Amino acid sequence: MNIDNNLLSKHRYVPAKIMSNFEDTVKSRKINPEIIVIHYTAGASKESSLKELIQYHEVCAHVLIGKDGEIIQMVPFNIRANHAGQSIYRGKKNVNYFSIGIELDNWGELFPLKDTSDNLVLNTWSGQKFTGSHYDHIDKNGNKTYWEKFTIKQLKSCFLLCEELRKIYNIKDIVGHNDISPSRKVDPGKAFPMIELKQYVFNSKIPNFLVPDKNNIKSEESKPISKPISKPISTPIKQEPKISEEEFKSVIEEKESNMLTKIIMYLFNFILNLVHKH
């Protein structure tokens, strides 16, 4: 994953409405990002959320990550996007002025109903019946809440992007929208592995879902992990010794010779048996 001139290389770029007058925008909205803020869209799909995010001046983020792992950029990383709203981080207000906003395609919190068969039925905030995978969270008081799970592809893209942003912009921290606007926001929610993200980006500790065939994280494939694992040590693959073409032919000829000998001995024994019988 590469960033060139504040834009992701080889990724879809759909400019938000605030970028309609590029020169004026660069002059008036240029920032030096210090932190990353993680959001969920609370929308039905990647494309529907993208449509909403690019058409208004009031709400927009720098990137949107779909459930399929696709990263769509809407605002260059050095331009202020309106993703945080009324917010404060360690005493500094107006977090939009020093942050990069990442939106993840996800419904967020789900709300339980029960059907006639007494099975759990979950609805989205919009009243739609939810049919995807969910994560159950129980707080210290025993209260249970339900959240849509993030996909492995989505989390992988998010982790790798945040790692690259840290390198390019010397990012100091990653927070949720709920951390900077606690009285009015809950995203990215209980299903998002924020601890694992920070450990990966700042301490180089790789979560299980980034290791091949390991999916132990808050996702549709598995349960949440309690600890990230350290970077795996690669084991060299034992190479079989190479043989020349002449050696290969010699081996084949030897095998053919042995086979012919076996056939001759079989025929010889067969003829002897016939002679003895007569």
C-alpha atoms as a PDB file:
ATOM      1  CA  MET A   1       0.000   0.000   0.000  1.00  0.00           C
ATOM      2  CA  ASN A   2       1.537   3.291  -1.149  1.00  0.00           C
ATOM      3  CA  ILE A   3       0.635   6.942  -0.627  1.00  0.00           C
ATOM      4  CA  ASP A   4       1.751   9.407  -3.291  1.00  0.00           C
ATOM      5  CA  ASN A   5       1.064  13.137  -2.984  1.00  0.00           C
ATOM      6  CA  ASN A   6      -1.447  12.500  -0.168  1.00  0.00           C
ATOM      7  CA  LEU A   7      -3.466  10.007  -2.243  1.00  0.00           C
ATOM      8  CA  LEU A   8      -3.496   6.225  -2.154  1.00  0.00           C
ATOM      9  CA  SER A   9      -1.915   4.699  -5.239  1.00  0.00           C
ATOM     10  CA  LYS A  10      -3.988   2.186  -7.237  1.00  0.00           C
ATOM     11  CA  HIS A  11      -7.151   2.807  -5.219  1.00  0.00           C
ATOM     12  CA  ARG A  12     -10.445   4.353  -6.235  1.00  0.00           C
ATOM     13  CA  TYR A  13     -10.584   8.102  -5.701  1.00  0.00           C
ATOM     14  CA  VAL A  14     -14.030   9.710  -5.636  1.00  0.00           C
ATOM     15  CA  PRO A  15     -13.604  13.383  -4.668  1.00  0.00           C
ATOM     16  CA  ALA A  16     -15.994  14.702  -2.041  1.00  0.00           C
ATOM     17  CA  LYS A  17     -17.947  17.882  -2.643  1.00  0.00           C
ATOM     18  CA  ILE A  18     -15.488  19.894  -0.546  1.00  0.00           C
ATOM     19  CA  MET A  19     -12.885  19.163  -3.248  1.00  0.00           C
ATOM     20  CA  SER A  20     -14.929  20.809  -6.033  1.00  0.00           C
ATOM     21  CA  ASN A  21     -12.684  23.889  -5.949  1.00  0.00           C
ATOM     22  CA  PHE A  22      -9.332  22.254  -5.405  1.00  0.00           C
ATOM     23  CA  GLU A  23      -7.075  25.334  -5.218  1.00  0.00           C
ATOM     24  CA  ASP A  24      -9.258  27.162  -2.687  1.00  0.00           C
ATOM     25  CA  THR A  25      -9.692  23.975  -0.675  1.00  0.00           C
ATOM     26  CA  VAL A  26      -5.946  23.353  -0.443  1.00  0.00           C
ATOM     27  CA  LYS A  27      -5.356  26.922   0.752  1.00  0.00           C
ATOM     28  CA  SER A  28      -8.120  26.992   3.348  1.00  0.00           C
ATOM     29  CA  ARG A  29      -8.280  23.367   4.550  1.00  0.00           C
ATOM     30  CA  LYS A  30      -4.686  22.130   4.629  1.00  0.00           C
ATOM     31  CA  ILE A  31      -3.772  20.158   7.789  1.00  0.00           C
ATOM     32  CA  ASN A  32      -0.891  18.273   9.379  1.00  0.00           C
ATOM     33  CA  PRO A  33      -2.591  15.123  10.669  1.00  0.00           C
ATOM     34  CA  GLU A  34      -1.551  13.867  14.101  1.00  0.00           C
ATOM     35  CA  ILE A  35      -4.162  11.189  14.865  1.00  0.00           C
ATOM     36  CA  ILE A  36      -6.537   8.802  13.078  1.00  0.00           C
ATOM     37  CA  VAL A  37     -10.232   8.606  13.957  1.00  0.00           C
ATOM     38  CA  ILE A  38     -12.147   5.376  13.241  1.00  0.00           C
ATOM     39  CA  HIS A  39     -15.878   5.517  12.417  1.00  0.00           C
ATOM     40  CA  TYR A  40     -18.578   3.182  11.163  1.00  0.00           C
ATOM     41  CA  THR A  41     -21.016   4.408   8.524  1.00  0.00           C
ATOM     42  CA  ALA A  42     -24.259   3.029  10.051  1.00  0.00           C
ATOM     43  CA  GLY A  43     -25.313   2.518   6.435  1.00  0.00           C
ATOM     44  CA  ALA A  44     -26.709  -0.311   4.341  1.00  0.00           C
ATOM     45  CA  SER A  45     -23.807  -0.677   1.899  1.00  0.00           C
ATOM     46  CA  LYS A  46     -20.474   0.697   0.777  1.00  0.00           C
ATOM     47  CA  GLU A  47     -21.914   2.418  -2.283  1.00  0.00           C
ATOM     48  CA  SER A  48     -24.897   3.976  -0.513  1.00  0.00           C
ATOM     49  CA  SER A  49     -22.599   5.339   2.206  1.00  0.00           C
ATOM     50  CA  LEU A  50     -20.167   6.642  -0.402  1.00  0.00           C
ATOM     51  CA  LYS A  51     -22.979   8.549  -2.083  1.00  0.00           C
ATOM     52  CA  GLU A  52     -23.900  10.194   1.221  1.00  0.00           C
ATOM     53  CA  LEU A  53     -20.321  11.003   2.172  1.00  0.00           C
ATOM     54  CA  ILE A  54     -19.329  12.768  -1.040  1.00  0.00           C
ATOM     55  CA  GLN A  55     -22.369  14.943  -1.654  1.00  0.00           C
ATOM     56  CA  TYR A  56     -22.429  17.077   1.499  1.00  0.00           C
ATOM     57  CA  HIS A  57     -19.999  19.669   2.812  1.00  0.00           C
ATOM     58  CA  GLU A  58     -21.012  18.933   6.396  1.00  0.00           C
ATOM     59  CA  VAL A  59     -20.085  15.231   6.599  1.00  0.00           C
ATOM     60  CA  CYS A  60     -17.149  13.543   4.908  1.00  0.00           C
ATOM     61  CA  ALA A  61     -14.154  11.384   5.763  1.00  0.00           C
ATOM     62  CA  HIS A  62     -10.850  10.799   4.033  1.00  0.00           C
ATOM     63  CA  VAL A  63     -11.499   7.156   3.159  1.00  0.00           C
ATOM     64  CA  LEU A  64     -14.250   4.545   3.207  1.00  0.00           C
ATOM     65  CA  ILE A  65     -13.471   0.827   3.602  1.00  0.00           C
ATOM     66  CA  GLY A  66     -16.022  -1.675   2.306  1.00  0.00           C
ATOM     67  CA  LYS A  67     -16.782  -5.144   3.622  1.00  0.00           C
ATOM     68  CA  ASP A  68     -14.885  -6.498   0.607  1.00  0.00           C
ATOM     69  CA  GLY A  69     -11.748  -4.670   1.762  1.00  0.00           C
ATOM     70  CA  GLU A  70     -11.866  -2.004  -0.957  1.00  0.00           C
ATOM     71  CA  ILE A  71     -10.516   1.380   0.141  1.00  0.00           C
ATOM     72  CA  ILE A  72     -12.144   4.386  -1.509  1.00  0.00           C
ATOM     73  CA  GLN A  73     -10.531   7.780  -0.954  1.00  0.00           C
ATOM     74  CA  MET A  74     -12.649  10.934  -0.943  1.00  0.00           C
ATOM     75  CA  VAL A  75     -10.313  13.599   0.446  1.00  0.00           C
ATOM     76  CA  PRO A  76      -6.475  13.864   0.282  1.00  0.00           C
ATOM     77  CA  PHE A  77      -4.890  13.072   3.632  1.00  0.00           C
ATOM     78  CA  ASN A  78      -3.486  16.601   4.045  1.00  0.00           C
ATOM     79  CA  ILE A  79      -6.906  18.255   3.580  1.00  0.00           C
ATOM     80  CA  ARG A  80      -9.399  18.745   6.419  1.00  0.00           C
ATOM     81  CA  ALA A  81     -12.489  16.529   6.166  1.00  0.00           C
ATOM     82  CA  ASN A  82     -15.651  16.981   8.240  1.00  0.00           C
ATOM     83  CA  HIS A  83     -15.775  13.627  10.008  1.00  0.00           C
ATOM     84  CA  ALA A  84     -15.385  14.384  13.723  1.00  0.00           C
ATOM     85  CA  GLY A  85     -17.902  17.164  14.326  1.00  0.00           C
ATOM     86  CA  GLN A  86     -17.952  18.663  17.819  1.00  0.00           C
ATOM     87  CA  SER A  87     -14.988  16.914  19.401  1.00  0.00           C
ATOM     88  CA  ILE A  88     -12.029  17.168  21.741  1.00  0.00           C
ATOM     89  CA  TYR A  89      -8.789  15.190  22.041  1.00  0.00           C
ATOM     90  CA  ARG A  90      -6.545  15.685  25.090  1.00  0.00           C
ATOM     91  CA  GLY A  91      -7.803  19.218  25.568  1.00  0.00           C
ATOM     92  CA  LYS A  92      -7.599  20.161  21.878  1.00  0.00           C
ATOM     93  CA  LYS A  93     -10.942  20.963  20.289  1.00  0.00           C
ATOM     94  CA  ASN A  94     -11.987  20.666  16.628  1.00  0.00           C
ATOM     95  CA  VAL A  95     -10.342  17.312  15.925  1.00  0.00           C
ATOM     96  CA  ASN A  96     -11.037  17.700  12.182  1.00  0.00           C
ATOM     97  CA  TYR A  97      -8.141  20.159  12.062  1.00  0.00           C
ATOM     98  CA  PHE A  98      -5.491  17.572  12.963  1.00  0.00           C
ATOM     99  CA  SER A  99      -6.898  14.145  12.110  1.00  0.00           C
ATOM    100  CA  ILE A 100      -7.555  11.616   9.352  1.00  0.00           C
ATOM    101  CA  GLY A 101     -11.028  10.061   9.312  1.00  0.00           C
ATOM    102  CA  ILE A 102     -11.624   6.432   8.285  1.00  0.00           C
ATOM    103  CA  GLU A 103     -15.177   5.179   7.733  1.00  0.00           C
ATOM    104  CA  LEU A 104     -15.941   1.434   7.820  1.00  0.00           C
ATOM    105  CA  ASP A 105     -19.028   0.073   6.066  1.00  0.00           C
ATOM    106  CA  ASN A 106     -20.960  -1.310   9.047  1.00  0.00           C
ATOM    107  CA  TRP A 107     -24.428  -0.922  10.601  1.00  0.00           C
ATOM    108  CA  GLY A 108     -22.985  -0.534  14.086  1.00  0.00           C
ATOM    109  CA  GLU A 109     -25.249  -1.290  17.028  1.00  0.00           C
ATOM    110  CA  LEU A 110     -28.172  -3.655  16.425  1.00  0.00           C
ATOM    111  CA  PHE A 111     -31.414  -3.776  18.369  1.00  0.00           C
ATOM    112  CA  PRO A 112     -33.054  -7.037  19.522  1.00  0.00           C
ATOM    113  CA  LEU A 113     -36.604  -8.141  18.876  1.00  0.00           C
ATOM    114  CA  LYS A 114     -38.118 -11.585  19.262  1.00  0.00           C
ATOM    115  CA  ASP A 115     -40.261 -13.453  16.785  1.00  0.00           C
ATOM    116  CA  THR A 116     -43.008 -15.962  17.592  1.00  0.00           C
ATOM    117  CA  SER A 117     -40.565 -18.880  17.813  1.00  0.00           C
ATOM    118  CA  ASP A 118     -38.616 -17.055  20.551  1.00  0.00           C
ATOM    119  CA  ASN A 119     -35.513 -16.749  18.334  1.00  0.00           C
ATOM    120  CA  LEU A 120     -33.362 -13.638  18.468  1.00  0.00           C
ATOM    121  CA  VAL A 121     -34.187 -11.137  15.749  1.00  0.00           C
ATOM    122  CA  LEU A 122     -32.008  -8.063  15.286  1.00  0.00           C
ATOM    123  CA  ASN A 123     -32.932  -4.817  13.570  1.00  0.00           C
ATOM    124  CA  THR A 124     -30.747  -1.963  12.399  1.00  0.00           C
ATOM    125  CA  TRP A 125     -31.314   1.578  13.655  1.00  0.00           C
ATOM    126  CA  SER A 126     -33.387   2.180  10.494  1.00  0.00           C
ATOM    127  CA  GLY A 127     -35.787  -0.665  11.349  1.00  0.00           C
ATOM    128  CA  GLN A 128     -34.470  -3.108   8.745  1.00  0.00           C
ATOM    129  CA  LYS A 129     -34.140  -6.751   9.754  1.00  0.00           C
ATOM    130  CA  PHE A 130     -30.470  -7.626  10.112  1.00  0.00           C
ATOM    131  CA  THR A 131     -29.388 -10.889   8.496  1.00  0.00           C
ATOM    132  CA  GLY A 132     -25.593 -10.723   8.783  1.00  0.00           C
ATOM    133  CA  SER A 133     -23.160 -11.821  11.482  1.00  0.00           C
ATOM    134  CA  HIS A 134     -23.250 -10.085  14.847  1.00  0.00           C
ATOM    135  CA  TYR A 135     -21.051  -9.765  17.904  1.00  0.00           C
ATOM    136  CA  ASP A 136     -22.531  -9.982  21.407  1.00  0.00           C
ATOM    137  CA  HIS A 137     -21.000  -7.695  24.019  1.00  0.00           C
ATOM    138  CA  ILE A 138     -21.679  -8.022  27.753  1.00  0.00           C
ATOM    139  CA  ASP A 139     -20.577  -5.120  29.947  1.00  0.00           C
ATOM    140  CA  LYS A 140     -19.439  -5.283  33.581  1.00  0.00           C
ATOM    141  CA  ASN A 141     -23.036  -4.916  34.758  1.00  0.00           C
ATOM    142  CA  GLY A 142     -24.206  -7.888  32.697  1.00  0.00           C
ATOM    143  CA  ASN A 143     -25.986  -5.815  30.054  1.00  0.00           C
ATOM    144  CA  LYS A 144     -25.814  -7.280  26.563  1.00  0.00           C
ATOM    145  CA  THR A 145     -25.589  -5.282  23.338  1.00  0.00           C
ATOM    146  CA  TYR A 146     -25.349  -6.465  19.734  1.00  0.00           C
ATOM    147  CA  TRP A 147     -23.117  -5.165  16.963  1.00  0.00           C
ATOM    148  CA  GLU A 148     -22.489  -6.013  13.333  1.00  0.00           C
ATOM    149  CA  LYS A 149     -19.171  -7.810  12.908  1.00  0.00           C
ATOM    150  CA  PHE A 150     -16.460  -6.369  10.705  1.00  0.00           C
ATOM    151  CA  THR A 151     -15.100  -8.621   7.979  1.00  0.00           C
ATOM    152  CA  ILE A 152     -11.566  -9.965   7.888  1.00  0.00           C
ATOM    153  CA  LYS A 153     -10.881  -8.195   4.568  1.00  0.00           C
ATOM    154  CA  GLN A 154     -12.179  -4.930   5.988  1.00  0.00           C
ATOM    155  CA  LEU A 155     -10.051  -5.137   9.123  1.00  0.00           C
ATOM    156  CA  LYS A 156      -6.967  -6.124   7.148  1.00  0.00           C
ATOM    157  CA  SER A 157      -7.322  -3.076   4.886  1.00  0.00           C
ATOM    158  CA  CYS A 158      -7.886  -0.827   7.903  1.00  0.00           C
ATOM    159  CA  PHE A 159      -4.848  -2.132   9.795  1.00  0.00           C
ATOM    160  CA  LEU A 160      -2.522  -1.897   6.801  1.00  0.00           C
ATOM    161  CA  LEU A 161      -3.755   1.587   5.900  1.00  0.00           C
ATOM    162  CA  CYS A 162      -3.254   2.863   9.447  1.00  0.00           C
ATOM    163  CA  GLU A 163       0.246   1.413   9.474  1.00  0.00           C
ATOM    164  CA  GLU A 164       1.108   3.245   6.260  1.00  0.00           C
ATOM    165  CA  LEU A 165      -0.424   6.503   7.514  1.00  0.00           C
ATOM    166  CA  ARG A 166       1.675   6.300  10.671  1.00  0.00           C
ATOM    167  CA  LYS A 167       4.838   6.007   8.593  1.00  0.00           C
ATOM    168  CA  ILE A 168       3.994   8.859   6.206  1.00  0.00           C
ATOM    169  CA  TYR A 169       2.447  11.363   8.620  1.00  0.00           C
ATOM    170  CA  ASN A 170       4.077  10.350  11.913  1.00  0.00           C
ATOM    171  CA  ILE A 171       0.670   9.575  13.436  1.00  0.00           C
ATOM    172  CA  LYS A 172       0.765   9.655  17.252  1.00  0.00           C
ATOM    173  CA  ASP A 173      -2.529   7.953  18.161  1.00  0.00           C
ATOM    174  CA  ILE A 174      -5.622   6.152  16.845  1.00  0.00           C
ATOM    175  CA  VAL A 175      -8.999   6.745  18.475  1.00  0.00           C
ATOM    176  CA  GLY A 176     -12.657   5.978  17.941  1.00  0.00           C
ATOM    177  CA  HIS A 177     -15.272   8.637  17.287  1.00  0.00           C
ATOM    178  CA  ASN A 178     -16.623   7.758  20.727  1.00  0.00           C
ATOM    179  CA  ASP A 179     -13.293   8.741  22.307  1.00  0.00           C
ATOM    180  CA  ILE A 180     -13.436  12.318  21.033  1.00  0.00           C
ATOM    181  CA  SER A 181     -17.235  12.791  21.191  1.00  0.00           C
ATOM    182  CA  PRO A 182     -18.272  10.488  24.069  1.00  0.00           C
ATOM    183  CA  SER A 183     -21.558  12.215  24.860  1.00  0.00           C
ATOM    184  CA  ARG A 184     -23.005  11.732  21.386  1.00  0.00           C
ATOM    185  CA  LYS A 185     -21.114   8.968  19.512  1.00  0.00           C
ATOM    186  CA  VAL A 186     -20.519   5.225  20.022  1.00  0.00           C
ATOM    187  CA  ASP A 187     -18.657   4.274  16.830  1.00  0.00           C
ATOM    188  CA  PRO A 188     -16.694   2.274  15.893  1.00  0.00           C
ATOM    189  CA  GLY A 189     -18.482   0.183  18.512  1.00  0.00           C
ATOM    190  CA  LYS A 190     -17.797  -2.894  20.631  1.00  0.00           C
ATOM    191  CA  ALA A 191     -17.088  -5.182  17.669  1.00  0.00           C
ATOM    192  CA  PHE A 192     -14.065  -3.190  16.517  1.00  0.00           C
ATOM    193  CA  PRO A 193     -10.653  -4.446  17.773  1.00  0.00           C
ATOM    194  CA  MET A 194      -9.178  -1.067  18.719  1.00  0.00           C
ATOM    195  CA  ILE A 195      -6.604  -2.502  21.148  1.00  0.00           C
ATOM    196  CA  GLU A 196      -5.283  -4.884  18.501  1.00  0.00           C
ATOM    197  CA  LEU A 197      -5.140  -2.065  15.932  1.00  0.00           C
ATOM    198  CA  LYS A 198      -3.002   0.127  18.196  1.00  0.00           C
ATOM    199  CA  GLN A 199      -0.724  -2.776  19.131  1.00  0.00           C
ATOM    200  CA  TYR A 200      -0.210  -3.564  15.457  1.00  0.00           C
ATOM    201  CA  VAL A 201       0.442   0.006  14.287  1.00  0.00           C
ATOM    202  CA  PHE A 202       2.571   1.221  17.193  1.00  0.00           C
ATOM    203  CA  ASN A 203       4.109  -1.971  18.619  1.00  0.00           C
ATOM    204  CA  SER A 204       4.338  -4.196  15.508  1.00  0.00           C
ATOM    205  CA  LYS A 205       2.290  -6.961  17.140  1.00  0.00           C
ATOM    206  CA  ILE A 206       0.394  -8.877  14.481  1.00  0.00           C
ATOM    207  CA  PRO A 207      -3.208  -9.947  15.228  1.00  0.00           C
ATOM    208  CA  ASN A 208      -4.176 -13.492  14.341  1.00  0.00           C
ATOM    209  CA  PHE A 209      -6.348 -12.502  11.394  1.00  0.00           C
ATOM    210  CA  LEU A 210      -3.319 -11.066   9.547  1.00  0.00           C
ATOM    211  CA  VAL A 211      -1.552 -14.438   9.805  1.00  0.00           C
ATOM    212  CA  PRO A 212      -2.508 -16.936   7.044  1.00  0.00           C
ATOM    213  CA  ASP A 213      -5.208 -19.402   8.132  1.00  0.00           C
ATOM    214  CA  LYS A 214      -5.640 -17.634  11.483  1.00  0.00           C
ATOM    215  CA  ASN A 215      -8.953 -15.821  11.887  1.00  0.00           C
ATOM    216  CA  ASN A 216      -9.274 -15.427  15.648  1.00  0.00           C
ATOM    217  CA  ILE A 217     -10.695 -11.940  15.825  1.00  0.00           C
ATOM    218  CA  LYS A 218     -14.057 -10.175  16.115  1.00  0.00           C
ATOM    219  CA  SER A 219     -15.265 -11.155  12.663  1.00  0.00           C
ATOM    220  CA  GLU A 220     -17.768 -13.366  10.935  1.00  0.00           C
ATOM    221  CA  GLU A 221     -15.304 -16.258  10.907  1.00  0.00           C
ATOM    222  CA  SER A 222     -14.439 -16.469  14.608  1.00  0.00           C
ATOM    223  CA  LYS A 223     -14.466 -15.201  18.171  1.00  0.00           C
ATOM    224  CA  PRO A 224     -12.610 -12.126  19.412  1.00  0.00           C
ATOM    225  CA  ILE A 225      -8.994 -12.599  20.434  1.00  0.00           C
ATOM    226  CA  SER A 226      -7.694 -11.753  23.885  1.00  0.00           C
ATOM    227  CA  LYS A 227      -4.087 -11.160  22.856  1.00  0.00           C
ATOM    228  CA  PRO A 228      -2.365 -10.375  19.599  1.00  0.00           C
ATOM    229  CA  ILE A 229       0.488 -12.626  18.663  1.00  0.00           C
ATOM    230  CA  SER A 230       4.015 -11.532  17.930  1.00  0.00           C
ATOM    231  CA  LYS A 231       5.384 -11.463  14.418  1.00  0.00           C
ATOM    232  CA  PRO A 232       5.794 -15.017  13.108  1.00  0.00           C
ATOM    233  CA  ILE A 233       9.265 -16.363  12.451  1.00  0.00           C
ATOM    234  CA  SER A 234       9.427 -17.692   8.955  1.00  0.00           C
ATOM    235  CA  THR A 235      10.823 -21.208   8.625  1.00  0.00           C
ATOM    236  CA  PRO A 236      12.861 -21.815   5.488  1.00  0.00           C
ATOM    237  CA  ILE A 237      11.424 -24.427   3.180  1.00  0.00           C
ATOM    238  CA  LYS A 238      13.676 -27.417   2.659  1.00  0.00           C
ATOM    239  CA  GLN A 239      14.727 -27.551  -0.963  1.00  0.00           C
ATOM    240  CA  GLU A 240      15.076 -30.904  -2.687  1.00  0.00           C
ATOM    241  CA  PRO A 241      18.488 -31.336  -4.366  1.00  0.00           C
ATOM    242  CA  LYS A 242      18.435 -30.704  -8.094  1.00  0.00           C
ATOM    243  CA  ILE A 243      19.694 -33.387 -10.518  1.00  0.00           C
ATOM    244  CA  SER A 244      20.997 -32.988 -14.026  1.00  0.00           C
ATOM    245  CA  GLU A 245      19.188 -34.178 -17.143  1.00  0.00           C
ATOM    246  CA  GLU A 246      21.750 -37.014 -17.559  1.00  0.00           C
ATOM    247  CA  GLU A 247      21.175 -38.189 -13.960  1.00  0.00           C
ATOM    248  CA  PHE A 248      17.424 -38.056 -14.494  1.00  0.00           C
ATOM    249  CA  LYS A 249      17.683 -40.208 -17.651  1.00  0.00           C
ATOM    250  CA  SER A 250      19.934 -42.651 -15.810  1.00  0.00           C
ATOM    251  CA  VAL A 251      17.361 -43.047 -13.046  1.00  0.00           C
ATOM    252  CA  ILE A 252      14.574 -43.667 -15.582  1.00  0.00           C
ATOM    253  CA  GLU A 253      16.641 -46.204 -17.493  1.00  0.00           C
ATOM    254  CA  GLU A 254      17.485 -48.043 -14.265  1.00  0.00           C
ATOM    255  CA  LYS A 255      13.813 -48.221 -13.298  1.00  0.00           C
ATOM    256  CA  GLU A 256      12.884 -49.493 -16.781  1.00  0.00           C
ATOM    257  CA  SER A 257      15.625 -52.114 -16.591  1.00  0.00           C
ATOM    258  CA  ASN A 258      14.406 -53.347 -13.214  1.00  0.00           C
ATOM    259  CA  MET A 259      10.857 -53.573 -14.527  1.00  0.00           C
ATOM    260  CA  LEU A 260      11.975 -55.589 -17.568  1.00  0.00           C
ATOM    261  CA  THR A 261      13.917 -57.984 -15.334  1.00  0.00           C
ATOM    262  CA  LYS A 262      10.827 -58.566 -13.203  1.00  0.00           C
ATOM    263  CA  ILE A 263       8.727 -59.349 -16.293  1.00  0.00           C
ATOM    264  CA  ILE A 264      11.304 -61.841 -17.625  1.00  0.00           C
ATOM    265  CA  MET A 265      11.512 -63.634 -14.255  1.00  0.00           C
ATOM    266  CA  TYR A 266       7.714 -63.815 -14.072  1.00  0.00           C
ATOM    267  CA  LEU A 267       7.491 -65.387 -17.535  1.00  0.00           C
ATOM    268  CA  PHE A 268      10.302 -67.824 -16.719  1.00  0.00           C
ATOM    269  CA  ASN A 269       8.556 -69.015 -13.551  1.00  0.00           C
ATOM    270  CA  PHE A 270       5.256 -69.264 -15.412  1.00  0.00           C
ATOM    271  CA  ILE A 271       6.806 -71.548 -18.082  1.00  0.00           C
ATOM    272  CA  LEU A 272       8.491 -73.740 -15.426  1.00  0.00           C
ATOM    273  CA  ASN A 273       5.146 -74.248 -13.698  1.00  0.00           C
ATOM    274  CA  LEU A 274       3.560 -75.336 -16.976  1.00  0.00           C
ATOM    275  CA  VAL A 275       6.358 -77.835 -17.620  1.00  0.00           C
ATOM    276  CA  HIS A 276       6.044 -79.381 -14.153  1.00  0.00           C
ATOM    277  CA  LYS A 277       2.270 -79.739 -14.532  1.00  0.00           C
ATOM    278  CA  HIS A 278       2.700 -81.736 -17.776  1.00  0.00           C
END
